[in-house]
N, C-alpha and C. Protein backbone atom coordinates (compact mmCIF):
# COMPACT_ATOMS: atom_id res chain seq x y z
N MET A 1 158.57 -10.18 -57.29
CA MET A 1 158.17 -11.51 -56.87
C MET A 1 157.14 -12.05 -57.86
N LYS A 2 157.26 -13.30 -58.19
CA LYS A 2 156.30 -13.91 -59.10
C LYS A 2 155.31 -14.78 -58.33
N MET A 3 154.19 -15.09 -58.97
CA MET A 3 153.18 -15.93 -58.35
C MET A 3 153.65 -17.38 -58.42
N ILE A 4 153.46 -18.10 -57.29
CA ILE A 4 153.87 -19.49 -57.22
C ILE A 4 152.65 -20.32 -56.83
N LYS A 5 152.42 -21.41 -57.57
CA LYS A 5 151.33 -22.33 -57.27
C LYS A 5 151.89 -23.75 -57.33
N LYS A 6 151.60 -24.53 -56.28
CA LYS A 6 152.01 -25.95 -56.26
C LYS A 6 150.75 -26.79 -56.07
N TYR A 7 150.72 -27.93 -56.78
CA TYR A 7 149.56 -28.81 -56.77
C TYR A 7 149.96 -30.22 -56.32
N ASP A 8 148.98 -30.95 -55.77
CA ASP A 8 149.22 -32.35 -55.44
C ASP A 8 148.98 -33.21 -56.68
N LYS A 9 149.07 -34.54 -56.53
CA LYS A 9 148.92 -35.46 -57.66
C LYS A 9 147.51 -35.43 -58.26
N LYS A 10 146.52 -35.01 -57.48
CA LYS A 10 145.14 -34.94 -57.98
C LYS A 10 144.82 -33.59 -58.61
N GLY A 11 145.77 -32.67 -58.62
CA GLY A 11 145.55 -31.35 -59.21
C GLY A 11 145.00 -30.32 -58.24
N ASN A 12 145.00 -30.64 -56.94
CA ASN A 12 144.54 -29.70 -55.92
C ASN A 12 145.65 -28.72 -55.56
N LEU A 13 145.30 -27.45 -55.46
CA LEU A 13 146.25 -26.41 -55.08
C LEU A 13 146.64 -26.61 -53.62
N ILE A 14 147.93 -26.86 -53.35
CA ILE A 14 148.38 -27.11 -51.97
C ILE A 14 149.24 -25.99 -51.41
N HIS A 15 149.83 -25.15 -52.27
CA HIS A 15 150.65 -24.04 -51.80
C HIS A 15 150.53 -22.91 -52.81
N PHE A 16 150.34 -21.70 -52.29
CA PHE A 16 150.12 -20.55 -53.15
C PHE A 16 150.84 -19.34 -52.57
N ILE A 17 151.52 -18.58 -53.43
CA ILE A 17 152.11 -17.29 -53.06
C ILE A 17 151.80 -16.33 -54.20
N ASP A 18 151.22 -15.14 -53.85
CA ASP A 18 150.92 -14.17 -54.91
C ASP A 18 151.99 -13.08 -54.97
N PHE A 19 151.77 -12.11 -55.84
CA PHE A 19 152.74 -11.03 -56.08
C PHE A 19 153.04 -10.18 -54.85
N LYS A 20 152.07 -10.09 -53.94
CA LYS A 20 152.24 -9.25 -52.75
C LYS A 20 152.76 -10.05 -51.54
N GLY A 21 152.99 -11.33 -51.73
CA GLY A 21 153.50 -12.15 -50.63
C GLY A 21 152.44 -12.89 -49.84
N TYR A 22 151.16 -12.74 -50.23
CA TYR A 22 150.11 -13.52 -49.57
C TYR A 22 150.36 -14.99 -49.86
N GLU A 23 150.32 -15.81 -48.81
CA GLU A 23 150.69 -17.21 -48.94
C GLU A 23 149.76 -18.09 -48.12
N PHE A 24 149.44 -19.28 -48.64
CA PHE A 24 148.69 -20.26 -47.86
C PHE A 24 149.02 -21.67 -48.32
N TRP A 25 148.74 -22.63 -47.42
CA TRP A 25 148.92 -24.06 -47.67
C TRP A 25 147.58 -24.73 -47.41
N GLN A 26 147.28 -25.81 -48.14
CA GLN A 26 146.01 -26.51 -47.97
C GLN A 26 146.21 -28.03 -48.02
N LYS A 27 145.32 -28.73 -47.29
CA LYS A 27 145.24 -30.19 -47.35
C LYS A 27 143.81 -30.55 -47.73
N TYR A 28 143.65 -31.73 -48.37
CA TYR A 28 142.36 -32.14 -48.91
C TYR A 28 141.95 -33.52 -48.40
N ASP A 29 140.63 -33.79 -48.43
CA ASP A 29 140.15 -35.13 -48.12
C ASP A 29 140.07 -35.96 -49.40
N GLU A 30 139.54 -37.18 -49.30
CA GLU A 30 139.47 -38.08 -50.45
C GLU A 30 138.52 -37.58 -51.54
N ASN A 31 137.64 -36.62 -51.20
CA ASN A 31 136.71 -36.04 -52.18
C ASN A 31 137.21 -34.70 -52.73
N ASN A 32 138.46 -34.39 -52.47
CA ASN A 32 139.09 -33.14 -52.92
C ASN A 32 138.51 -31.89 -52.28
N ASN A 33 137.95 -32.04 -51.08
CA ASN A 33 137.48 -30.89 -50.30
C ASN A 33 138.63 -30.40 -49.42
N VAL A 34 138.78 -29.08 -49.32
CA VAL A 34 139.80 -28.52 -48.42
C VAL A 34 139.41 -28.86 -46.99
N ILE A 35 140.30 -29.51 -46.25
CA ILE A 35 140.02 -29.84 -44.85
C ILE A 35 140.91 -29.05 -43.89
N TYR A 36 141.96 -28.44 -44.43
CA TYR A 36 142.88 -27.66 -43.60
C TYR A 36 143.51 -26.56 -44.46
N ARG A 37 143.61 -25.37 -43.88
CA ARG A 37 144.29 -24.26 -44.56
C ARG A 37 145.09 -23.49 -43.52
N LYS A 38 146.32 -23.16 -43.89
CA LYS A 38 147.16 -22.29 -43.04
C LYS A 38 147.57 -21.10 -43.88
N CYS A 39 147.30 -19.91 -43.37
CA CYS A 39 147.59 -18.66 -44.08
C CYS A 39 148.92 -18.07 -43.61
N PHE A 40 149.42 -17.12 -44.39
CA PHE A 40 150.72 -16.50 -44.12
C PHE A 40 150.77 -15.83 -42.75
N ASP A 41 149.62 -15.37 -42.24
CA ASP A 41 149.59 -14.67 -40.94
C ASP A 41 149.51 -15.64 -39.76
N GLY A 42 149.52 -16.95 -40.05
CA GLY A 42 149.47 -17.96 -38.99
C GLY A 42 148.09 -18.50 -38.71
N GLU A 43 147.05 -17.86 -39.26
CA GLU A 43 145.70 -18.37 -39.04
C GLU A 43 145.55 -19.74 -39.66
N GLU A 44 144.93 -20.65 -38.92
CA GLU A 44 144.65 -21.99 -39.41
C GLU A 44 143.14 -22.17 -39.46
N GLN A 45 142.66 -22.96 -40.42
CA GLN A 45 141.24 -23.24 -40.56
C GLN A 45 141.06 -24.74 -40.82
N TRP A 46 140.03 -25.31 -40.18
CA TRP A 46 139.69 -26.71 -40.35
C TRP A 46 138.26 -26.79 -40.87
N TYR A 47 137.99 -27.72 -41.79
CA TYR A 47 136.69 -27.82 -42.45
C TYR A 47 136.15 -29.24 -42.34
N GLU A 48 134.79 -29.34 -42.30
CA GLU A 48 134.09 -30.62 -42.38
C GLU A 48 132.98 -30.50 -43.41
N TYR A 49 132.63 -31.65 -44.03
CA TYR A 49 131.66 -31.66 -45.11
C TYR A 49 130.63 -32.75 -44.89
N ASP A 50 129.45 -32.59 -45.49
CA ASP A 50 128.44 -33.64 -45.43
C ASP A 50 128.64 -34.63 -46.58
N GLU A 51 127.73 -35.60 -46.71
CA GLU A 51 127.88 -36.63 -47.73
C GLU A 51 127.75 -36.08 -49.16
N ASN A 52 127.24 -34.85 -49.30
CA ASN A 52 127.12 -34.21 -50.61
C ASN A 52 128.25 -33.21 -50.87
N ASN A 53 129.28 -33.26 -50.05
CA ASN A 53 130.45 -32.38 -50.15
C ASN A 53 130.12 -30.91 -49.91
N ASN A 54 129.05 -30.65 -49.14
CA ASN A 54 128.73 -29.29 -48.72
C ASN A 54 129.51 -28.99 -47.44
N GLU A 55 130.13 -27.84 -47.37
CA GLU A 55 130.83 -27.46 -46.13
C GLU A 55 129.78 -27.25 -45.04
N ILE A 56 129.90 -28.02 -43.94
CA ILE A 56 128.94 -27.90 -42.85
C ILE A 56 129.55 -27.31 -41.58
N TYR A 57 130.88 -27.31 -41.50
CA TYR A 57 131.53 -26.80 -40.28
C TYR A 57 132.90 -26.26 -40.64
N ARG A 58 133.23 -25.14 -39.99
CA ARG A 58 134.56 -24.55 -40.15
C ARG A 58 134.96 -23.95 -38.81
N LYS A 59 136.20 -24.16 -38.45
CA LYS A 59 136.75 -23.60 -37.22
C LYS A 59 138.10 -22.99 -37.56
N ASN A 60 138.41 -21.86 -36.91
CA ASN A 60 139.73 -21.27 -37.15
C ASN A 60 140.53 -21.21 -35.85
N SER A 61 141.79 -20.86 -35.99
CA SER A 61 142.70 -20.86 -34.83
C SER A 61 142.39 -19.73 -33.85
N TYR A 62 141.48 -18.82 -34.21
CA TYR A 62 141.06 -17.75 -33.29
C TYR A 62 139.90 -18.20 -32.42
N GLY A 63 139.44 -19.45 -32.62
CA GLY A 63 138.35 -19.99 -31.82
C GLY A 63 136.97 -19.74 -32.40
N GLU A 64 136.90 -19.14 -33.58
CA GLU A 64 135.60 -18.91 -34.21
C GLU A 64 135.14 -20.20 -34.88
N GLU A 65 133.85 -20.49 -34.74
CA GLU A 65 133.27 -21.67 -35.35
C GLU A 65 132.06 -21.26 -36.19
N PHE A 66 131.89 -21.93 -37.32
CA PHE A 66 130.80 -21.62 -38.23
C PHE A 66 130.11 -22.92 -38.64
N TRP A 67 128.77 -22.93 -38.62
CA TRP A 67 127.97 -24.06 -39.07
C TRP A 67 127.14 -23.64 -40.27
N ARG A 68 126.88 -24.56 -41.18
CA ARG A 68 126.02 -24.31 -42.33
C ARG A 68 125.01 -25.44 -42.43
N ILE A 69 123.78 -25.07 -42.82
CA ILE A 69 122.70 -26.05 -42.98
C ILE A 69 122.19 -25.93 -44.41
N TYR A 70 121.96 -27.07 -45.05
CA TYR A 70 121.51 -27.11 -46.44
C TYR A 70 120.15 -27.78 -46.53
N ASP A 71 119.37 -27.42 -47.55
CA ASP A 71 118.08 -28.07 -47.76
C ASP A 71 118.27 -29.34 -48.60
N LYS A 72 117.18 -29.99 -48.95
CA LYS A 72 117.25 -31.25 -49.70
C LYS A 72 117.84 -31.08 -51.10
N ASP A 73 117.86 -29.85 -51.61
CA ASP A 73 118.44 -29.56 -52.92
C ASP A 73 119.89 -29.07 -52.81
N ASN A 74 120.48 -29.21 -51.63
CA ASN A 74 121.86 -28.77 -51.35
C ASN A 74 122.04 -27.26 -51.45
N LEU A 75 120.97 -26.52 -51.21
CA LEU A 75 121.07 -25.06 -51.16
C LEU A 75 121.27 -24.62 -49.72
N LEU A 76 122.18 -23.69 -49.52
CA LEU A 76 122.45 -23.17 -48.18
C LEU A 76 121.22 -22.45 -47.66
N ILE A 77 120.71 -22.88 -46.50
CA ILE A 77 119.53 -22.22 -45.93
C ILE A 77 119.85 -21.49 -44.64
N ALA A 78 120.96 -21.84 -44.01
CA ALA A 78 121.29 -21.16 -42.76
C ALA A 78 122.77 -21.30 -42.48
N HIS A 79 123.30 -20.28 -41.84
CA HIS A 79 124.64 -20.43 -41.30
C HIS A 79 124.74 -19.65 -40.01
N LYS A 80 125.61 -20.11 -39.15
CA LYS A 80 125.69 -19.58 -37.80
C LYS A 80 127.14 -19.44 -37.39
N LYS A 81 127.45 -18.31 -36.81
CA LYS A 81 128.78 -18.09 -36.25
C LYS A 81 128.67 -18.36 -34.76
N LEU A 82 129.30 -19.43 -34.28
CA LEU A 82 129.11 -19.86 -32.90
C LEU A 82 129.83 -18.98 -31.88
N SER A 83 130.92 -18.32 -32.28
CA SER A 83 131.69 -17.57 -31.30
C SER A 83 130.89 -16.43 -30.68
N ASN A 84 129.93 -15.86 -31.41
CA ASN A 84 129.08 -14.82 -30.82
C ASN A 84 127.60 -15.11 -31.05
N ASP A 85 127.29 -16.33 -31.44
CA ASP A 85 125.93 -16.84 -31.62
C ASP A 85 125.13 -16.06 -32.66
N LEU A 86 125.80 -15.45 -33.64
CA LEU A 86 125.08 -14.80 -34.74
C LEU A 86 124.50 -15.87 -35.65
N LYS A 87 123.30 -15.64 -36.14
CA LYS A 87 122.66 -16.59 -37.06
C LYS A 87 122.21 -15.84 -38.30
N TRP A 88 122.35 -16.48 -39.43
CA TRP A 88 121.84 -15.95 -40.69
C TRP A 88 120.98 -17.03 -41.32
N TRP A 89 119.79 -16.67 -41.78
CA TRP A 89 118.89 -17.62 -42.41
C TRP A 89 118.63 -17.17 -43.84
N HIS A 90 118.47 -18.14 -44.74
CA HIS A 90 118.28 -17.84 -46.15
C HIS A 90 117.16 -18.67 -46.75
N LYS A 91 116.52 -18.12 -47.75
CA LYS A 91 115.72 -18.91 -48.68
C LYS A 91 116.23 -18.49 -50.06
N PHE A 92 115.85 -19.23 -51.07
CA PHE A 92 116.37 -18.94 -52.40
C PHE A 92 115.26 -18.47 -53.32
N ASP A 93 115.55 -17.40 -54.04
CA ASP A 93 114.62 -16.83 -55.00
C ASP A 93 114.34 -17.87 -56.08
N ASP A 94 113.06 -18.14 -56.35
CA ASP A 94 112.68 -19.16 -57.34
C ASP A 94 113.16 -18.82 -58.75
N LYS A 95 113.27 -17.54 -59.09
CA LYS A 95 113.65 -17.15 -60.45
C LYS A 95 115.16 -17.05 -60.63
N THR A 96 115.85 -16.47 -59.65
CA THR A 96 117.29 -16.24 -59.82
C THR A 96 118.14 -17.25 -59.07
N ASN A 97 117.54 -18.00 -58.15
CA ASN A 97 118.25 -18.97 -57.31
C ASN A 97 119.31 -18.31 -56.42
N LYS A 98 119.14 -17.02 -56.16
CA LYS A 98 120.07 -16.29 -55.28
C LYS A 98 119.51 -16.30 -53.86
N PRO A 99 120.40 -16.33 -52.85
CA PRO A 99 119.92 -16.35 -51.47
C PRO A 99 119.29 -15.02 -51.06
N ILE A 100 118.23 -15.12 -50.29
CA ILE A 100 117.54 -13.96 -49.74
C ILE A 100 117.57 -14.13 -48.22
N SER A 101 118.03 -13.12 -47.50
CA SER A 101 118.05 -13.20 -46.04
C SER A 101 116.64 -13.15 -45.50
N ILE A 102 116.37 -14.02 -44.53
CA ILE A 102 115.07 -14.06 -43.87
C ILE A 102 115.29 -14.16 -42.37
N THR A 103 114.22 -13.97 -41.60
CA THR A 103 114.32 -14.10 -40.14
C THR A 103 114.24 -15.57 -39.76
N GLU A 104 114.62 -15.86 -38.54
CA GLU A 104 114.54 -17.24 -38.05
C GLU A 104 113.07 -17.69 -38.02
N LYS A 105 112.17 -16.78 -37.68
CA LYS A 105 110.74 -17.11 -37.66
C LYS A 105 110.26 -17.50 -39.07
N GLU A 106 110.67 -16.74 -40.08
CA GLU A 106 110.31 -17.08 -41.47
C GLU A 106 110.88 -18.44 -41.85
N TYR A 107 112.11 -18.70 -41.43
CA TYR A 107 112.75 -19.99 -41.71
C TYR A 107 111.95 -21.13 -41.08
N GLU A 108 111.56 -20.96 -39.82
CA GLU A 108 110.79 -22.01 -39.13
C GLU A 108 109.45 -22.24 -39.83
N GLU A 109 108.81 -21.18 -40.34
CA GLU A 109 107.56 -21.32 -41.07
C GLU A 109 107.76 -22.13 -42.35
N ILE A 110 108.83 -21.86 -43.06
CA ILE A 110 109.15 -22.62 -44.28
C ILE A 110 109.35 -24.09 -43.95
N LYS A 111 110.12 -24.38 -42.90
CA LYS A 111 110.36 -25.77 -42.51
C LYS A 111 109.04 -26.45 -42.11
N PHE A 112 108.16 -25.72 -41.39
CA PHE A 112 106.87 -26.28 -41.01
C PHE A 112 106.06 -26.65 -42.25
N ARG A 113 106.00 -25.73 -43.25
CA ARG A 113 105.23 -26.01 -44.47
C ARG A 113 105.81 -27.19 -45.23
N GLU A 114 107.15 -27.34 -45.25
CA GLU A 114 107.76 -28.49 -45.93
C GLU A 114 107.39 -29.79 -45.24
N LYS A 115 107.42 -29.81 -43.90
CA LYS A 115 107.06 -31.02 -43.16
C LYS A 115 105.58 -31.34 -43.34
N GLU A 116 104.74 -30.30 -43.33
CA GLU A 116 103.31 -30.51 -43.53
C GLU A 116 103.04 -31.08 -44.92
N LYS A 117 103.70 -30.54 -45.95
CA LYS A 117 103.53 -31.03 -47.32
C LYS A 117 103.98 -32.49 -47.43
N GLU A 118 105.10 -32.82 -46.79
CA GLU A 118 105.59 -34.20 -46.81
C GLU A 118 104.60 -35.13 -46.12
N TYR A 119 104.08 -34.72 -44.97
CA TYR A 119 103.10 -35.53 -44.24
C TYR A 119 101.85 -35.75 -45.07
N LEU A 120 101.34 -34.67 -45.67
CA LEU A 120 100.12 -34.78 -46.45
C LEU A 120 100.31 -35.67 -47.68
N SER A 121 101.48 -35.63 -48.27
CA SER A 121 101.73 -36.48 -49.43
C SER A 121 101.80 -37.95 -49.03
N ARG A 122 102.26 -38.23 -47.82
CA ARG A 122 102.32 -39.63 -47.35
C ARG A 122 100.94 -40.14 -46.96
N THR A 123 100.12 -39.28 -46.36
CA THR A 123 98.82 -39.71 -45.87
C THR A 123 97.73 -39.57 -46.93
N LYS A 124 98.03 -38.82 -48.00
CA LYS A 124 97.08 -38.60 -49.10
C LYS A 124 95.76 -38.03 -48.60
N CYS A 125 95.84 -37.09 -47.70
CA CYS A 125 94.64 -36.42 -47.22
C CYS A 125 94.89 -34.92 -47.15
N SER A 126 93.84 -34.21 -46.97
CA SER A 126 93.94 -32.76 -46.87
C SER A 126 93.89 -32.37 -45.39
N ARG A 127 94.52 -31.30 -45.06
CA ARG A 127 94.45 -30.87 -43.66
C ARG A 127 93.08 -30.35 -43.31
N PHE A 128 92.23 -30.11 -44.33
CA PHE A 128 90.90 -29.60 -44.10
C PHE A 128 89.85 -30.72 -44.11
N GLU A 129 90.29 -31.95 -44.27
CA GLU A 129 89.38 -33.09 -44.32
C GLU A 129 88.78 -33.34 -42.94
N LEU A 130 87.48 -33.53 -42.88
CA LEU A 130 86.82 -33.82 -41.62
C LEU A 130 86.68 -35.33 -41.45
N ILE A 131 86.92 -35.80 -40.28
CA ILE A 131 86.83 -37.24 -40.02
C ILE A 131 85.69 -37.47 -39.02
N GLU A 132 84.78 -38.36 -39.38
CA GLU A 132 83.67 -38.68 -38.49
C GLU A 132 84.10 -39.82 -37.58
N ILE A 133 83.71 -39.70 -36.33
CA ILE A 133 84.04 -40.75 -35.36
C ILE A 133 82.77 -41.39 -34.87
């Protein structure tokens, strides 16, 4: 058996069969993001994306659902498997830009510091500034 690949007019892979018979079909949105995939075993997957073309939601025909959350730099910071409520949180290494697993508490602390930094930059004051009344 030879490998077969079929593409749509935009060059997106829409049908694939490999040497071992693994096969899938895909559909795309106007931004060339995969929005639907059907695999040879019958599993189907549906995808949704944010305005930056980041995958934010995926559901499969087995009822599993997955959510992804990105930071302002479009880096994945969290993902969650809804079918059993598993959560994974990430921050990114400043030197390698690779994800590092962190706890939800660490994630919440990072978000708090980001909001505090944003607030302080808008108010142009220090959190240690004393105000006389």
